[in-house]
PDB file of N, CA and C in Angstrom:
ATOM      1  N   UNK A   1      -8.770  20.754 -16.393  1.00  0.00           N
ATOM      2  CA  UNK A   1      -7.626  20.638 -15.514  1.00  0.00           C
ATOM      3  C   UNK A   1      -7.408  21.976 -14.836  1.00  0.00           C
ATOM      4  N   UNK A   2      -7.135  21.925 -13.552  1.00  0.00           N
ATOM      5  CA  UNK A   2      -6.922  23.167 -12.813  1.00  0.00           C
ATOM      6  C   UNK A   2      -5.438  23.519 -12.749  1.00  0.00           C
ATOM      7  N   UNK A   3      -5.172  24.738 -12.341  1.00  0.00           N
ATOM      8  CA  UNK A   3      -3.802  25.226 -12.220  1.00  0.00           C
ATOM      9  C   UNK A   3      -3.553  25.570 -10.764  1.00  0.00           C
ATOM     10  N   UNK A   4      -2.416  25.090 -10.241  1.00  0.00           N
ATOM     11  CA  UNK A   4      -2.018  25.379  -8.870  1.00  0.00           C
ATOM     12  C   UNK A   4      -0.601  25.929  -8.893  1.00  0.00           C
ATOM     13  N   UNK A   5      -0.372  26.950  -8.140  1.00  0.00           N
ATOM     14  CA  UNK A   5       0.964  27.538  -8.051  1.00  0.00           C
ATOM     15  C   UNK A   5       1.661  26.974  -6.825  1.00  0.00           C
ATOM     16  N   UNK A   6       2.922  26.585  -7.002  1.00  0.00           N
ATOM     17  CA  UNK A   6       3.693  25.995  -5.909  1.00  0.00           C
ATOM     18  C   UNK A   6       5.056  26.665  -5.857  1.00  0.00           C
ATOM     19  N   UNK A   7       5.492  27.009  -4.670  1.00  0.00           N
ATOM     20  CA  UNK A   7       6.840  27.557  -4.491  1.00  0.00           C
ATOM     21  C   UNK A   7       7.770  26.384  -4.183  1.00  0.00           C
ATOM     22  N   UNK A   8       8.811  26.242  -4.992  1.00  0.00           N
ATOM     23  CA  UNK A   8       9.744  25.139  -4.818  1.00  0.00           C
ATOM     24  C   UNK A   8      11.083  25.639  -4.297  1.00  0.00           C
ATOM     25  N   UNK A   9      11.705  24.832  -3.475  1.00  0.00           N
ATOM     26  CA  UNK A   9      13.062  25.132  -3.046  1.00  0.00           C
ATOM     27  C   UNK A   9      13.967  25.024  -4.265  1.00  0.00           C
ATOM     28  N   UNK A  10      15.055  25.779  -4.262  1.00  0.00           N
ATOM     29  CA  UNK A  10      15.956  25.825  -5.413  1.00  0.00           C
ATOM     30  C   UNK A  10      16.443  24.426  -5.785  1.00  0.00           C
ATOM     31  N   UNK A  11      16.815  23.625  -4.793  1.00  0.00           N
ATOM     32  CA  UNK A  11      17.311  22.269  -5.068  1.00  0.00           C
ATOM     33  C   UNK A  11      16.230  21.416  -5.719  1.00  0.00           C
ATOM     34  N   UNK A  12      15.009  21.534  -5.241  1.00  0.00           N
ATOM     35  CA  UNK A  12      13.903  20.756  -5.798  1.00  0.00           C
ATOM     36  C   UNK A  12      13.677  21.163  -7.246  1.00  0.00           C
ATOM     37  N   UNK A  13      13.697  22.446  -7.513  1.00  0.00           N
ATOM     38  CA  UNK A  13      13.516  22.950  -8.878  1.00  0.00           C
ATOM     39  C   UNK A  13      14.610  22.424  -9.806  1.00  0.00           C
ATOM     40  N   UNK A  14      15.840  22.382  -9.322  1.00  0.00           N
ATOM     41  CA  UNK A  14      16.946  21.881 -10.141  1.00  0.00           C
ATOM     42  C   UNK A  14      16.755  20.399 -10.461  1.00  0.00           C
ATOM     43  N   UNK A  15      16.372  19.632  -9.460  1.00  0.00           N
ATOM     44  CA  UNK A  15      16.127  18.203  -9.689  1.00  0.00           C
ATOM     45  C   UNK A  15      14.949  18.005 -10.645  1.00  0.00           C
ATOM     46  N   UNK A  16      13.914  18.801 -10.457  1.00  0.00           N
ATOM     47  CA  UNK A  16      12.738  18.722 -11.324  1.00  0.00           C
ATOM     48  C   UNK A  16      13.121  19.017 -12.769  1.00  0.00           C
ATOM     49  N   UNK A  17      13.891  20.059 -12.987  1.00  0.00           N
ATOM     50  CA  UNK A  17      14.359  20.399 -14.337  1.00  0.00           C
ATOM     51  C   UNK A  17      15.141  19.242 -14.951  1.00  0.00           C
ATOM     52  N   UNK A  18      16.029  18.643 -14.156  1.00  0.00           N
ATOM     53  CA  UNK A  18      16.865  17.555 -14.657  1.00  0.00           C
ATOM     54  C   UNK A  18      16.008  16.336 -15.024  1.00  0.00           C
ATOM     55  N   UNK A  19      15.063  15.999 -14.171  1.00  0.00           N
ATOM     56  CA  UNK A  19      14.192  14.845 -14.439  1.00  0.00           C
ATOM     57  C   UNK A  19      13.346  15.091 -15.683  1.00  0.00           C
ATOM     58  N   UNK A  20      12.745  16.261 -15.762  1.00  0.00           N
ATOM     59  CA  UNK A  20      11.905  16.592 -16.918  1.00  0.00           C
ATOM     60  C   UNK A  20      12.724  16.535 -18.207  1.00  0.00           C
ATOM     61  N   UNK A  21      13.936  17.042 -18.163  1.00  0.00           N
ATOM     62  CA  UNK A  21      14.807  17.032 -19.339  1.00  0.00           C
ATOM     63  C   UNK A  21      15.172  15.604 -19.729  1.00  0.00           C
ATOM     64  N   UNK A  22      15.543  14.805 -18.735  1.00  0.00           N
ATOM     65  CA  UNK A  22      15.928  13.417 -18.998  1.00  0.00           C
ATOM     66  C   UNK A  22      14.765  12.612 -19.590  1.00  0.00           C
ATOM     67  N   UNK A  23      13.568  12.859 -19.080  1.00  0.00           N
ATOM     68  CA  UNK A  23      12.389  12.138 -19.558  1.00  0.00           C
ATOM     69  C   UNK A  23      11.771  12.755 -20.811  1.00  0.00           C
ATOM     70  N   UNK A  24      12.272  13.947 -21.153  1.00  0.00           N
ATOM     71  CA  UNK A  24      11.708  14.698 -22.287  1.00  0.00           C
ATOM     72  C   UNK A  24      10.214  14.938 -22.077  1.00  0.00           C
ATOM     73  N   UNK A  25       9.906  15.352 -20.871  1.00  0.00           N
ATOM     74  CA  UNK A  25       8.531  15.682 -20.468  1.00  0.00           C
ATOM     75  C   UNK A  25       8.546  17.061 -19.829  1.00  0.00           C
ATOM     76  N   UNK A  26       7.361  17.628 -19.674  1.00  0.00           N
ATOM     77  CA  UNK A  26       7.276  18.943 -19.025  1.00  0.00           C
ATOM     78  C   UNK A  26       7.393  18.774 -17.505  1.00  0.00           C
ATOM     79  N   UNK A  27       7.748  19.862 -16.846  1.00  0.00           N
ATOM     80  CA  UNK A  27       7.805  19.832 -15.386  1.00  0.00           C
ATOM     81  C   UNK A  27       6.414  19.539 -14.822  1.00  0.00           C
ATOM     82  N   UNK A  28       5.381  20.073 -15.461  1.00  0.00           N
ATOM     83  CA  UNK A  28       4.013  19.818 -15.016  1.00  0.00           C
ATOM     84  C   UNK A  28       3.674  18.341 -15.052  1.00  0.00           C
ATOM     85  N   UNK A  29       4.129  17.638 -16.108  1.00  0.00           N
ATOM     86  CA  UNK A  29       3.880  16.206 -16.227  1.00  0.00           C
ATOM     87  C   UNK A  29       4.572  15.454 -15.097  1.00  0.00           C
ATOM     88  N   UNK A  30       5.834  15.805 -14.828  1.00  0.00           N
ATOM     89  CA  UNK A  30       6.598  15.146 -13.767  1.00  0.00           C
ATOM     90  C   UNK A  30       5.925  15.377 -12.418  1.00  0.00           C
ATOM     91  N   UNK A  31       5.507  16.597 -12.154  1.00  0.00           N
ATOM     92  CA  UNK A  31       4.841  16.917 -10.889  1.00  0.00           C
ATOM     93  C   UNK A  31       3.540  16.130 -10.762  1.00  0.00           C
ATOM     94  N   UNK A  32       2.752  16.067 -11.845  1.00  0.00           N
ATOM     95  CA  UNK A  32       1.506  15.296 -11.827  1.00  0.00           C
ATOM     96  C   UNK A  32       1.769  13.833 -11.507  1.00  0.00           C
ATOM     97  N   UNK A  33       2.783  13.246 -12.144  1.00  0.00           N
ATOM     98  CA  UNK A  33       3.115  11.844 -11.885  1.00  0.00           C
ATOM     99  C   UNK A  33       3.515  11.636 -10.432  1.00  0.00           C
ATOM    100  N   UNK A  34       4.367  12.525  -9.936  1.00  0.00           N
ATOM    101  CA  UNK A  34       4.847  12.406  -8.556  1.00  0.00           C
ATOM    102  C   UNK A  34       3.695  12.525  -7.559  1.00  0.00           C
ATOM    103  N   UNK A  35       2.821  13.480  -7.776  1.00  0.00           N
ATOM    104  CA  UNK A  35       1.686  13.659  -6.862  1.00  0.00           C
ATOM    105  C   UNK A  35       0.706  12.495  -6.940  1.00  0.00           C
ATOM    106  N   UNK A  36       0.484  11.984  -8.132  1.00  0.00           N
ATOM    107  CA  UNK A  36      -0.410  10.836  -8.296  1.00  0.00           C
ATOM    108  C   UNK A  36       0.126   9.644  -7.511  1.00  0.00           C
ATOM    109  N   UNK A  37       1.414   9.369  -7.648  1.00  0.00           N
ATOM    110  CA  UNK A  37       2.024   8.259  -6.914  1.00  0.00           C
ATOM    111  C   UNK A  37       1.963   8.504  -5.406  1.00  0.00           C
ATOM    112  N   UNK A  38       2.212   9.728  -4.977  1.00  0.00           N
ATOM    113  CA  UNK A  38       2.173  10.056  -3.549  1.00  0.00           C
ATOM    114  C   UNK A  38       0.766   9.864  -2.988  1.00  0.00           C
ATOM    115  N   UNK A  39      -0.225  10.330  -3.708  1.00  0.00           N
ATOM    116  CA  UNK A  39      -1.617  10.206  -3.254  1.00  0.00           C
ATOM    117  C   UNK A  39      -2.008   8.734  -3.166  1.00  0.00           C
ATOM    118  N   UNK A  40      -1.644   7.932  -4.166  1.00  0.00           N
ATOM    119  CA  UNK A  40      -1.947   6.502  -4.142  1.00  0.00           C
ATOM    120  C   UNK A  40      -1.275   5.832  -2.952  1.00  0.00           C
ATOM    121  N   UNK A  41      -0.029   6.209  -2.674  1.00  0.00           N
ATOM    122  CA  UNK A  41       0.698   5.648  -1.527  1.00  0.00           C
ATOM    123  C   UNK A  41      -0.009   6.010  -0.228  1.00  0.00           C
ATOM    124  N   UNK A  42      -0.435   7.258  -0.091  1.00  0.00           N
ATOM    125  CA  UNK A  42      -1.133   7.682   1.119  1.00  0.00           C
ATOM    126  C   UNK A  42      -2.447   6.921   1.291  1.00  0.00           C
ATOM    127  N   UNK A  43      -3.151   6.673   0.198  1.00  0.00           N
ATOM    128  CA  UNK A  43      -4.405   5.927   0.267  1.00  0.00           C
ATOM    129  C   UNK A  43      -4.153   4.488   0.700  1.00  0.00           C
ATOM    130  N   UNK A  44      -3.096   3.856   0.167  1.00  0.00           N
ATOM    131  CA  UNK A  44      -2.752   2.485   0.575  1.00  0.00           C
ATOM    132  C   UNK A  44      -2.396   2.440   2.049  1.00  0.00           C
ATOM    133  N   UNK A  45      -1.628   3.421   2.512  1.00  0.00           N
ATOM    134  CA  UNK A  45      -1.248   3.458   3.921  1.00  0.00           C
ATOM    135  C   UNK A  45      -2.466   3.643   4.816  1.00  0.00           C
ATOM    136  N   UNK A  46      -3.410   4.463   4.401  1.00  0.00           N
ATOM    137  CA  UNK A  46      -4.637   4.664   5.176  1.00  0.00           C
ATOM    138  C   UNK A  46      -5.448   3.374   5.234  1.00  0.00           C
ATOM    139  N   UNK A  47      -5.529   2.666   4.102  1.00  0.00           N
ATOM    140  CA  UNK A  47      -6.247   1.386   4.073  1.00  0.00           C
ATOM    141  C   UNK A  47      -5.574   0.373   4.987  1.00  0.00           C
ATOM    142  N   UNK A  48      -4.232   0.299   4.958  1.00  0.00           N
ATOM    143  CA  UNK A  48      -3.513  -0.625   5.838  1.00  0.00           C
ATOM    144  C   UNK A  48      -3.734  -0.258   7.299  1.00  0.00           C
ATOM    145  N   UNK A  49      -3.748   1.028   7.610  1.00  0.00           N
ATOM    146  CA  UNK A  49      -3.977   1.462   8.979  1.00  0.00           C
ATOM    147  C   UNK A  49      -5.371   1.036   9.438  1.00  0.00           C
ATOM    148  N   UNK A  50      -6.364   1.204   8.578  1.00  0.00           N
ATOM    149  CA  UNK A  50      -7.735   0.795   8.913  1.00  0.00           C
ATOM    150  C   UNK A  50      -7.796  -0.710   9.129  1.00  0.00           C
ATOM    151  N   UNK A  51      -7.114  -1.475   8.277  1.00  0.00           N
ATOM    152  CA  UNK A  51      -7.081  -2.930   8.445  1.00  0.00           C
ATOM    153  C   UNK A  51      -6.396  -3.308   9.755  1.00  0.00           C
ATOM    154  N   UNK A  52      -5.353  -2.580  10.116  1.00  0.00           N
ATOM    155  CA  UNK A  52      -4.653  -2.834  11.380  1.00  0.00           C
ATOM    156  C   UNK A  52      -5.578  -2.581  12.558  1.00  0.00           C
ATOM    157  N   UNK A  53      -6.307  -1.468  12.519  1.00  0.00           N
ATOM    158  CA  UNK A  53      -7.244  -1.167  13.603  1.00  0.00           C
ATOM    159  C   UNK A  53      -8.319  -2.246  13.717  1.00  0.00           C
ATOM    160  N   UNK A  54      -8.826  -2.711  12.579  1.00  0.00           N
ATOM    161  CA  UNK A  54      -9.836  -3.759  12.584  1.00  0.00           C
ATOM    162  C   UNK A  54      -9.266  -5.062  13.140  1.00  0.00           C
ATOM    163  N   UNK A  55      -8.024  -5.391  12.767  1.00  0.00           N
ATOM    164  CA  UNK A  55      -7.387  -6.604  13.266  1.00  0.00           C
ATOM    165  C   UNK A  55      -7.161  -6.515  14.774  1.00  0.00           C
ATOM    166  N   UNK A  56      -6.757  -5.342  15.253  1.00  0.00           N
ATOM    167  CA  UNK A  56      -6.547  -5.160  16.691  1.00  0.00           C
ATOM    168  C   UNK A  56      -7.859  -5.314  17.455  1.00  0.00           C
ATOM    169  N   UNK A  57      -8.925  -4.777  16.901  1.00  0.00           N
ATOM    170  CA  UNK A  57     -10.242  -4.901  17.534  1.00  0.00           C
ATOM    171  C   UNK A  57     -10.682  -6.364  17.548  1.00  0.00           C
ATOM    172  N   UNK A  58     -10.440  -7.052  16.457  1.00  0.00           N
ATOM    173  CA  UNK A  58     -10.788  -8.468  16.355  1.00  0.00           C
ATOM    174  C   UNK A  58     -10.025  -9.276  17.407  1.00  0.00           C
ATOM    175  N   UNK A  59      -8.734  -9.000  17.541  1.00  0.00           N
ATOM    176  CA  UNK A  59      -7.916  -9.703  18.532  1.00  0.00           C
ATOM    177  C   UNK A  59      -8.385  -9.379  19.943  1.00  0.00           C
ATOM    178  N   UNK A  60      -8.747  -8.123  20.181  1.00  0.00           N
ATOM    179  CA  UNK A  60      -9.234  -7.727  21.506  1.00  0.00           C
ATOM    180  C   UNK A  60     -10.522  -8.468  21.862  1.00  0.00           C
ATOM    181  N   UNK A  61     -11.294  -8.833  20.852  1.00  0.00           N
ATOM    182  CA  UNK A  61     -12.540  -9.569  21.065  1.00  0.00           C
ATOM    183  C   UNK A  61     -12.295 -11.078  21.118  1.00  0.00           C
ATOM    184  N   UNK A  62     -11.022 -11.492  21.029  1.00  0.00           N
ATOM    185  CA  UNK A  62     -10.687 -12.903  21.125  1.00  0.00           C
ATOM    186  C   UNK A  62     -10.816 -13.666  19.828  1.00  0.00           C
ATOM    187  N   UNK A  63     -10.993 -12.969  18.736  1.00  0.00           N
ATOM    188  CA  UNK A  63     -11.112 -13.629  17.433  1.00  0.00           C
ATOM    189  C   UNK A  63      -9.719 -13.862  16.858  1.00  0.00           C
ATOM    190  N   UNK A  64      -9.082 -14.943  17.312  1.00  0.00           N
ATOM    191  CA  UNK A  64      -7.727 -15.267  16.875  1.00  0.00           C
ATOM    192  C   UNK A  64      -7.685 -16.719  16.429  1.00  0.00           C
ATOM    193  N   UNK A  65      -6.648 -17.071  15.695  1.00  0.00           N
ATOM    194  CA  UNK A  65      -6.457 -18.438  15.212  1.00  0.00           C
ATOM    195  C   UNK A  65      -5.146 -18.950  15.777  1.00  0.00           C
ATOM    196  N   UNK A  66      -5.168 -20.170  16.275  1.00  0.00           N
ATOM    197  CA  UNK A  66      -3.988 -20.800  16.851  1.00  0.00           C
ATOM    198  C   UNK A  66      -2.901 -20.975  15.784  1.00  0.00           C
ATOM    199  N   UNK A  67      -1.664 -20.658  16.141  1.00  0.00           N
ATOM    200  CA  UNK A  67      -0.549 -20.747  15.190  1.00  0.00           C
ATOM    201  C   UNK A  67      -0.364 -22.171  14.685  1.00  0.00           C
ATOM    202  N   UNK A  68      -0.584 -23.150  15.528  1.00  0.00           N
ATOM    203  CA  UNK A  68      -0.455 -24.549  15.119  1.00  0.00           C
ATOM    204  C   UNK A  68      -1.428 -24.897  14.011  1.00  0.00           C
ATOM    205  N   UNK A  69      -2.651 -24.367  14.106  1.00  0.00           N
ATOM    206  CA  UNK A  69      -3.648 -24.601  13.065  1.00  0.00           C
ATOM    207  C   UNK A  69      -3.205 -23.975  11.740  1.00  0.00           C
ATOM    208  N   UNK A  70      -2.621 -22.792  11.829  1.00  0.00           N
ATOM    209  CA  UNK A  70      -2.143 -22.106  10.618  1.00  0.00           C
ATOM    210  C   UNK A  70      -1.022 -22.909   9.973  1.00  0.00           C
ATOM    211  N   UNK A  71      -0.065 -23.382  10.789  1.00  0.00           N
ATOM    212  CA  UNK A  71       1.055 -24.160  10.244  1.00  0.00           C
ATOM    213  C   UNK A  71       0.561 -25.455   9.602  1.00  0.00           C
ATOM    214  N   UNK A  72      -0.378 -26.107  10.243  1.00  0.00           N
ATOM    215  CA  UNK A  72      -0.953 -27.336   9.692  1.00  0.00           C
ATOM    216  C   UNK A  72      -1.626 -27.053   8.354  1.00  0.00           C
ATOM    217  N   UNK A  73      -2.361 -25.975   8.284  1.00  0.00           N
ATOM    218  CA  UNK A  73      -3.046 -25.572   7.047  1.00  0.00           C
ATOM    219  C   UNK A  73      -2.036 -25.296   5.942  1.00  0.00           C
ATOM    220  N   UNK A  74      -0.974 -24.540   6.268  1.00  0.00           N
ATOM    221  CA  UNK A  74       0.044 -24.207   5.269  1.00  0.00           C
ATOM    222  C   UNK A  74       0.739 -25.463   4.748  1.00  0.00           C
ATOM    223  N   UNK A  75       1.024 -26.411   5.647  1.00  0.00           N
ATOM    224  CA  UNK A  75       1.685 -27.654   5.227  1.00  0.00           C
ATOM    225  C   UNK A  75       0.793 -28.475   4.303  1.00  0.00           C
ATOM    226  N   UNK A  76      -0.516 -28.267   4.391  1.00  0.00           N
ATOM    227  CA  UNK A  76      -1.438 -29.049   3.560  1.00  0.00           C
ATOM    228  C   UNK A  76      -1.587 -28.494   2.145  1.00  0.00           C
ATOM    229  N   UNK A  77      -1.073 -27.299   1.901  1.00  0.00           N
ATOM    230  CA  UNK A  77      -1.219 -26.681   0.579  1.00  0.00           C
ATOM    231  C   UNK A  77      -0.642 -27.589  -0.501  1.00  0.00           C
ATOM    232  N   UNK A  78      -1.389 -27.765  -1.566  1.00  0.00           N
ATOM    233  CA  UNK A  78      -0.926 -28.529  -2.719  1.00  0.00           C
ATOM    234  C   UNK A  78      -1.037 -30.032  -2.545  1.00  0.00           C
ATOM    235  N   UNK A  79      -1.470 -30.490  -1.383  1.00  0.00           N
ATOM    236  CA  UNK A  79      -1.620 -31.929  -1.174  1.00  0.00           C
ATOM    237  C   UNK A  79      -3.044 -32.355  -1.521  1.00  0.00           C
ATOM    238  N   UNK A  80      -3.247 -33.658  -1.543  1.00  0.00           N
ATOM    239  CA  UNK A  80      -4.591 -34.177  -1.821  1.00  0.00           C
ATOM    240  C   UNK A  80      -5.562 -33.850  -0.692  1.00  0.00           C
ATOM    241  N   UNK A  81      -5.028 -33.643   0.484  1.00  0.00           N
ATOM    242  CA  UNK A  81      -5.866 -33.366   1.675  1.00  0.00           C
ATOM    243  C   UNK A  81      -5.718 -31.920   2.114  1.00  0.00           C
ATOM    244  N   UNK A  82      -5.745 -31.001   1.157  1.00  0.00           N
ATOM    245  CA  UNK A  82      -5.588 -29.588   1.492  1.00  0.00           C
ATOM    246  C   UNK A  82      -6.711 -29.133   2.420  1.00  0.00           C
ATOM    247  N   UNK A  83      -6.329 -28.506   3.505  1.00  0.00           N
ATOM    248  CA  UNK A  83      -7.289 -28.085   4.529  1.00  0.00           C
ATOM    249  C   UNK A  83      -7.906 -26.742   4.195  1.00  0.00           C
ATOM    250  N   UNK A  84      -9.049 -26.504   4.795  1.00  0.00           N
ATOM    251  CA  UNK A  84      -9.719 -25.204   4.701  1.00  0.00           C
ATOM    252  C   UNK A  84      -8.971 -24.251   5.628  1.00  0.00           C
ATOM    253  N   UNK A  85      -8.860 -23.004   5.245  1.00  0.00           N
ATOM    254  CA  UNK A  85      -8.156 -22.015   6.057  1.00  0.00           C
ATOM    255  C   UNK A  85      -8.768 -21.934   7.450  1.00  0.00           C
ATOM    256  N   UNK A  86      -7.929 -21.978   8.495  1.00  0.00           N
ATOM    257  CA  UNK A  86      -8.466 -21.885   9.853  1.00  0.00           C
ATOM    258  C   UNK A  86      -9.130 -20.536  10.077  1.00  0.00           C
ATOM    259  N   UNK A  87     -10.231 -20.568  10.774  1.00  0.00           N
ATOM    260  CA  UNK A  87     -10.954 -19.326  11.061  1.00  0.00           C
ATOM    261  C   UNK A  87     -11.814 -18.829   9.917  1.00  0.00           C
ATOM    262  N   UNK A  88     -11.871 -19.597   8.822  1.00  0.00           N
ATOM    263  CA  UNK A  88     -12.657 -19.130   7.671  1.00  0.00           C
ATOM    264  C   UNK A  88     -14.138 -19.419   7.837  1.00  0.00           C
ATOM    265  N   UNK A  89     -14.479 -20.156   8.871  1.00  0.00           N
ATOM    266  CA  UNK A  89     -15.881 -20.413   9.140  1.00  0.00           C
ATOM    267  C   UNK A  89     -16.466 -21.575   8.355  1.00  0.00           C
ATOM    268  N   UNK A  90     -15.638 -22.230   7.556  1.00  0.00           N
ATOM    269  CA  UNK A  90     -16.139 -23.375   6.769  1.00  0.00           C
ATOM    270  C   UNK A  90     -15.914 -24.660   7.510  1.00  0.00           C
TER     271      UNK A  90
END
């Protein structure tokens, strides 16, 4: 495990102390948890952004599904005649 030095604002340090005390954990543990969650969130946002770009490119190429087909498909869920998802190529 590596060591990184960080300068914290006084308010942040006070909140960090309070959280660590309440959780009965070290400040290092709290910081690690917070950074891990932040990094995971950033990765999810990057993945969503990439999916958005791909969807926009797909739409620009005319690869879209009619809303009526989607509604018909959704209404068929759970019935004996459940339809294949529109645009799935099946």
